[in-house]
Amino acid sequence: MAKARLSYPDAKSFYNILDSLAKIVDEVNMTITPDKGVKAVAVDPAHVALIIIELPPESFIEYEVEGDKVELGFNVANTAKIVKRGKKGDKLDIEVTEDHVTWSIVGATIKRYKVLNLEVPVPEIPEAQLEFKVRVAMIVDPFKNALKDAEAVGDTVEFEAPDEDTLIIRGVGAAVAEAKIKRDTPAVVEFEVKEPSKAAYSIDYLKHVLSLTKVADTIVIEYASEMPLRLQFQLPAGGKVTYLLAPKVE
């Protein structure tokens, strides 16, 4: 019988991943394989946003998988409530069988929750060749602050690269909030603008990833005019979360 036992070093970080996921779907399937780690793919009901979570075996303190793969299906909001019970420094143990999942928060005490392993269909995502014209890799804090500023003024976020040295993240609504990121800013790791580009996205959907900014070290921002936005959050324990968002059409 296929089964797995995993131990993630930081329950709080795992909660923040689930918190973003819970804003997109009710249930999710995580596929656990011996060599490639844990992967989950979820699409929101309106097919506006796609999230992909990839955690390699090296992300875990303990990683044991019996069988070619193990499927882990669960209600995201309910599981997030469980994992949120973890305090700073607590680790998260996950034991999976074909019938049940046991979530254990291990710290000064051990809190254990055993639930059914749900059958959740994995969405089929067609291969899309996206040619992004802007790619900026940077530490995550300036991006987080720009999103919060945008949220305060309206319902739309514009990404504009007017030249090869500047990226503007602009909140548009009753007022305008603008954050300018320059190529030579110390926070920037990589900065590439193949051509001037501008696109708009829904702040309601971008708010979903604010939880990820609490745990990611760096973020990669990619987009092109009137094209989807792709955000890749690099996690400190290893692995990444990719968020793909369709442009907002007026």
Protein backbone atom coordinates (compact mmCIF):
# COMPACT_ATOMS: atom_id res chain seq x y z
CA MET A 1 0.00 0.00 0.00
CA ALA A 2 1.36 3.40 -1.00
CA LYS A 3 2.11 5.68 1.92
CA ALA A 4 4.31 8.61 2.85
CA ARG A 5 5.78 10.27 5.91
CA LEU A 6 7.03 13.84 5.64
CA SER A 7 8.35 16.35 8.15
CA TYR A 8 8.37 20.03 7.15
CA PRO A 9 10.69 22.23 9.24
CA ASP A 10 8.34 25.18 9.76
CA ALA A 11 4.60 24.76 10.34
CA LYS A 12 4.03 28.54 10.08
CA SER A 13 5.55 28.68 6.61
CA PHE A 14 3.44 25.73 5.48
CA TYR A 15 0.36 27.52 6.80
CA ASN A 16 1.13 30.60 4.71
CA ILE A 17 1.32 28.43 1.59
CA LEU A 18 -2.05 26.88 2.44
CA ASP A 19 -3.53 30.30 3.22
CA SER A 20 -2.82 31.52 -0.33
CA LEU A 21 -4.11 28.25 -1.76
CA ALA A 22 -7.34 28.47 0.27
CA LYS A 23 -8.22 31.75 -1.45
CA ILE A 24 -8.20 30.00 -4.83
CA VAL A 25 -9.73 26.54 -4.32
CA ASP A 26 -11.72 24.59 -1.73
CA GLU A 27 -9.91 21.28 -2.20
CA VAL A 28 -6.54 20.31 -3.61
CA ASN A 29 -4.55 17.21 -4.49
CA MET A 30 -0.85 16.98 -3.65
CA THR A 31 1.14 14.34 -5.51
CA ILE A 32 4.08 12.95 -3.52
CA THR A 33 6.81 11.06 -5.40
CA PRO A 34 10.10 9.58 -4.13
CA ASP A 35 12.40 11.67 -6.34
CA LYS A 36 10.54 14.84 -7.33
CA GLY A 37 8.97 15.77 -4.02
CA VAL A 38 5.52 17.27 -3.47
CA LYS A 39 3.57 19.03 -6.22
CA ALA A 40 0.12 20.62 -6.22
CA VAL A 41 -1.68 22.37 -9.08
CA ALA A 42 -4.87 24.39 -8.55
CA VAL A 43 -7.02 26.61 -10.77
CA ASP A 44 -9.66 28.98 -9.42
CA PRO A 45 -13.29 28.37 -10.54
CA ALA A 46 -13.23 31.39 -12.89
CA HIS A 47 -10.02 30.14 -14.55
CA VAL A 48 -8.34 33.48 -13.89
CA ALA A 49 -5.56 32.25 -11.58
CA LEU A 50 -3.33 29.18 -11.50
CA ILE A 51 -1.07 28.21 -8.60
CA ILE A 52 1.64 25.53 -8.65
CA ILE A 53 3.40 24.43 -5.45
CA GLU A 54 6.65 22.48 -5.79
CA LEU A 55 8.54 21.24 -2.72
CA PRO A 56 11.56 19.00 -3.43
CA PRO A 57 12.53 16.22 -1.01
CA GLU A 58 15.33 18.47 0.29
CA SER A 59 12.69 20.87 1.66
CA PHE A 60 11.79 18.32 4.33
CA ILE A 61 13.60 17.16 7.47
CA GLU A 62 12.19 13.68 6.90
CA TYR A 63 10.94 12.35 3.57
CA GLU A 64 9.84 8.73 3.11
CA VAL A 65 7.63 7.52 0.25
CA GLU A 66 6.57 3.94 -0.34
CA GLY A 67 5.33 3.33 -3.87
CA ASP A 68 5.71 5.23 -7.15
CA LYS A 69 3.52 8.06 -5.88
CA VAL A 70 1.12 8.92 -3.08
CA GLU A 71 -1.94 11.12 -3.55
CA LEU A 72 -2.87 13.51 -0.74
CA GLY A 73 -6.29 15.17 -1.07
CA PHE A 74 -7.72 17.61 1.46
CA ASN A 75 -9.99 20.56 2.14
CA VAL A 76 -7.61 23.53 2.08
CA ALA A 77 -9.42 25.92 4.45
CA ASN A 78 -9.97 23.24 7.11
CA THR A 79 -6.38 22.04 6.90
CA ALA A 80 -5.07 25.62 7.08
CA LYS A 81 -6.99 26.06 10.36
CA ILE A 82 -5.24 22.97 11.73
CA VAL A 83 -1.75 23.98 10.61
CA LYS A 84 -2.29 27.53 11.89
CA ARG A 85 -2.24 26.05 15.40
CA GLY A 86 1.53 25.73 15.05
CA LYS A 87 3.75 28.26 16.80
CA LYS A 88 7.07 29.68 15.66
CA GLY A 89 9.67 26.92 15.70
CA ASP A 90 7.13 24.07 15.47
CA LYS A 91 7.56 21.55 12.67
CA LEU A 92 4.78 19.85 10.71
CA ASP A 93 4.66 16.06 10.31
CA ILE A 94 2.42 14.60 7.61
CA GLU A 95 1.59 10.90 7.43
CA VAL A 96 -0.38 9.77 4.38
CA THR A 97 -2.06 6.45 3.60
CA GLU A 98 -4.62 5.69 0.92
CA ASP A 99 -7.44 6.31 3.40
CA HIS A 100 -6.22 8.87 5.94
CA VAL A 101 -3.92 11.82 6.51
CA THR A 102 -2.45 12.66 9.91
CA TRP A 103 -1.27 16.23 10.41
CA SER A 104 0.95 16.61 13.49
CA ILE A 105 2.26 19.89 14.85
CA VAL A 106 5.40 19.10 16.80
CA GLY A 107 6.77 21.56 19.35
CA ALA A 108 6.66 21.71 23.13
CA THR A 109 3.61 19.46 22.75
CA ILE A 110 2.44 17.31 19.85
CA LYS A 111 -0.96 18.15 18.37
CA ARG A 112 -2.24 15.43 16.07
CA TYR A 113 -5.22 15.58 13.66
CA LYS A 114 -6.35 12.57 11.63
CA VAL A 115 -8.68 13.19 8.68
CA LEU A 116 -9.85 11.37 5.56
CA ASN A 117 -7.64 11.37 2.48
CA LEU A 118 -10.01 12.83 -0.11
CA GLU A 119 -10.17 11.99 -3.79
CA VAL A 120 -9.60 15.33 -5.48
CA PRO A 121 -9.24 15.50 -9.28
CA VAL A 122 -6.04 17.10 -10.61
CA PRO A 123 -6.80 19.87 -13.12
CA GLU A 124 -5.46 19.35 -16.62
CA ILE A 125 -3.40 22.37 -17.59
CA PRO A 126 -2.61 22.77 -21.30
CA GLU A 127 0.98 23.64 -22.14
CA ALA A 128 1.19 27.37 -22.83
CA GLN A 129 4.19 29.01 -24.45
CA LEU A 130 4.27 32.43 -22.84
CA GLU A 131 6.80 34.92 -24.16
CA PHE A 132 7.40 37.39 -21.36
CA LYS A 133 9.06 40.71 -22.21
CA VAL A 134 9.85 41.75 -18.63
CA ARG A 135 11.63 39.70 -15.97
CA VAL A 136 12.63 41.12 -12.60
CA ALA A 137 14.02 39.06 -9.72
CA MET A 138 14.22 40.80 -6.36
CA ILE A 139 13.86 40.42 -2.62
CA VAL A 140 10.20 40.17 -1.77
CA ASP A 141 9.59 43.10 0.61
CA PRO A 142 9.36 45.96 -1.95
CA PHE A 143 6.86 43.91 -3.96
CA LYS A 144 4.78 43.22 -0.84
CA ASN A 145 4.72 46.91 0.07
CA ALA A 146 3.76 47.91 -3.49
CA LEU A 147 0.82 45.48 -3.41
CA LYS A 148 -0.39 46.79 -0.06
CA ASP A 149 -0.19 50.37 -1.36
CA ALA A 150 -2.15 49.38 -4.47
CA GLU A 151 -4.80 47.62 -2.39
CA ALA A 152 -5.36 50.81 -0.39
CA VAL A 153 -6.41 52.87 -3.42
CA GLY A 154 -8.32 50.69 -5.88
CA ASP A 155 -9.12 47.40 -7.54
CA THR A 156 -6.50 47.35 -10.31
CA VAL A 157 -2.73 46.92 -10.33
CA GLU A 158 -0.76 48.02 -13.37
CA PHE A 159 2.72 46.75 -14.15
CA GLU A 160 4.61 49.06 -16.49
CA ALA A 161 8.18 48.94 -17.75
CA PRO A 162 8.54 52.20 -19.73
CA ASP A 163 12.25 51.65 -20.38
CA GLU A 164 14.99 49.10 -19.77
CA ASP A 165 15.81 50.44 -16.30
CA THR A 166 12.40 50.88 -14.61
CA LEU A 167 9.49 48.78 -13.39
CA ILE A 168 6.44 50.60 -12.03
CA ILE A 169 3.81 48.84 -9.92
CA ARG A 170 0.80 51.14 -9.82
CA GLY A 171 -2.47 50.85 -7.91
CA VAL A 172 -5.34 52.51 -9.76
CA GLY A 173 -8.78 53.39 -8.41
CA ALA A 174 -10.14 56.35 -6.50
CA ALA A 175 -6.50 57.43 -6.23
CA VAL A 176 -3.17 56.30 -7.68
CA ALA A 177 -0.34 54.67 -5.71
CA GLU A 178 2.93 54.15 -7.52
CA ALA A 179 6.05 52.20 -6.59
CA LYS A 180 9.09 52.57 -8.87
CA ILE A 181 11.72 49.82 -8.94
CA LYS A 182 14.99 50.72 -10.66
CA ARG A 183 17.51 48.34 -12.17
CA ASP A 184 20.28 49.55 -9.82
CA THR A 185 18.18 49.21 -6.64
CA PRO A 186 20.00 46.98 -4.07
CA ALA A 187 16.86 44.84 -3.73
CA VAL A 188 17.06 43.81 -7.41
CA VAL A 189 18.87 40.57 -8.31
CA GLU A 190 18.00 40.42 -12.01
CA PHE A 191 16.41 43.00 -14.31
CA GLU A 192 15.54 42.42 -17.98
CA VAL A 193 13.21 44.45 -20.19
CA LYS A 194 13.13 43.21 -23.78
CA GLU A 195 10.59 45.84 -24.79
CA PRO A 196 8.43 48.44 -23.00
CA SER A 197 5.40 46.63 -21.57
CA LYS A 198 2.24 47.48 -19.65
CA ALA A 199 -0.56 45.27 -18.33
CA ALA A 200 -3.29 45.46 -15.68
CA TYR A 201 -4.42 42.82 -13.17
CA SER A 202 -7.09 42.46 -10.50
CA ILE A 203 -5.97 43.42 -7.00
CA ASP A 204 -8.46 40.92 -5.57
CA TYR A 205 -6.51 38.08 -7.19
CA LEU A 206 -3.10 39.53 -6.39
CA LYS A 207 -4.07 39.82 -2.71
CA HIS A 208 -4.18 36.01 -2.66
CA VAL A 209 -0.39 35.84 -2.72
CA LEU A 210 0.28 38.26 0.16
CA SER A 211 0.63 35.29 2.54
CA LEU A 212 3.46 33.98 0.37
CA THR A 213 5.38 37.23 0.80
CA LYS A 214 5.67 36.36 4.51
CA VAL A 215 7.74 33.26 3.79
CA ALA A 216 9.48 33.77 0.43
CA ASP A 217 13.05 35.04 0.22
CA THR A 218 12.85 36.34 -3.33
CA ILE A 219 10.28 36.80 -6.08
CA VAL A 220 10.54 36.66 -9.87
CA ILE A 221 8.08 38.90 -11.72
CA GLU A 222 7.41 38.17 -15.41
CA TYR A 223 4.85 39.67 -17.78
CA ALA A 224 4.27 41.31 -21.17
CA SER A 225 1.70 43.78 -22.52
CA GLU A 226 -1.84 42.38 -22.25
CA MET A 227 -0.36 39.01 -21.19
CA PRO A 228 -0.62 36.93 -18.02
CA LEU A 229 1.51 37.80 -15.01
CA ARG A 230 3.75 35.08 -13.61
CA LEU A 231 5.10 35.33 -10.08
CA GLN A 232 7.56 32.81 -8.69
CA PHE A 233 8.16 32.79 -4.94
CA GLN A 234 11.39 31.10 -3.82
CA LEU A 235 10.92 29.44 -0.42
CA PRO A 236 13.69 29.48 2.22
CA ALA A 237 13.44 25.73 2.89
CA GLY A 238 13.73 25.06 -0.85
CA GLY A 239 11.06 24.78 -3.50
CA LYS A 240 8.88 27.44 -5.07
CA VAL A 241 5.31 28.58 -5.58
CA THR A 242 4.32 29.81 -9.05
CA TYR A 243 1.28 32.04 -9.50
CA LEU A 244 -0.08 32.76 -12.99
CA LEU A 245 -2.76 35.45 -13.34
CA ALA A 246 -4.73 36.44 -16.43
CA PRO A 247 -4.70 40.14 -17.39
CA LYS A 248 -7.61 42.37 -16.54
CA VAL A 249 -9.65 43.33 -19.59
CA GLU A 250 -11.60 46.56 -19.35
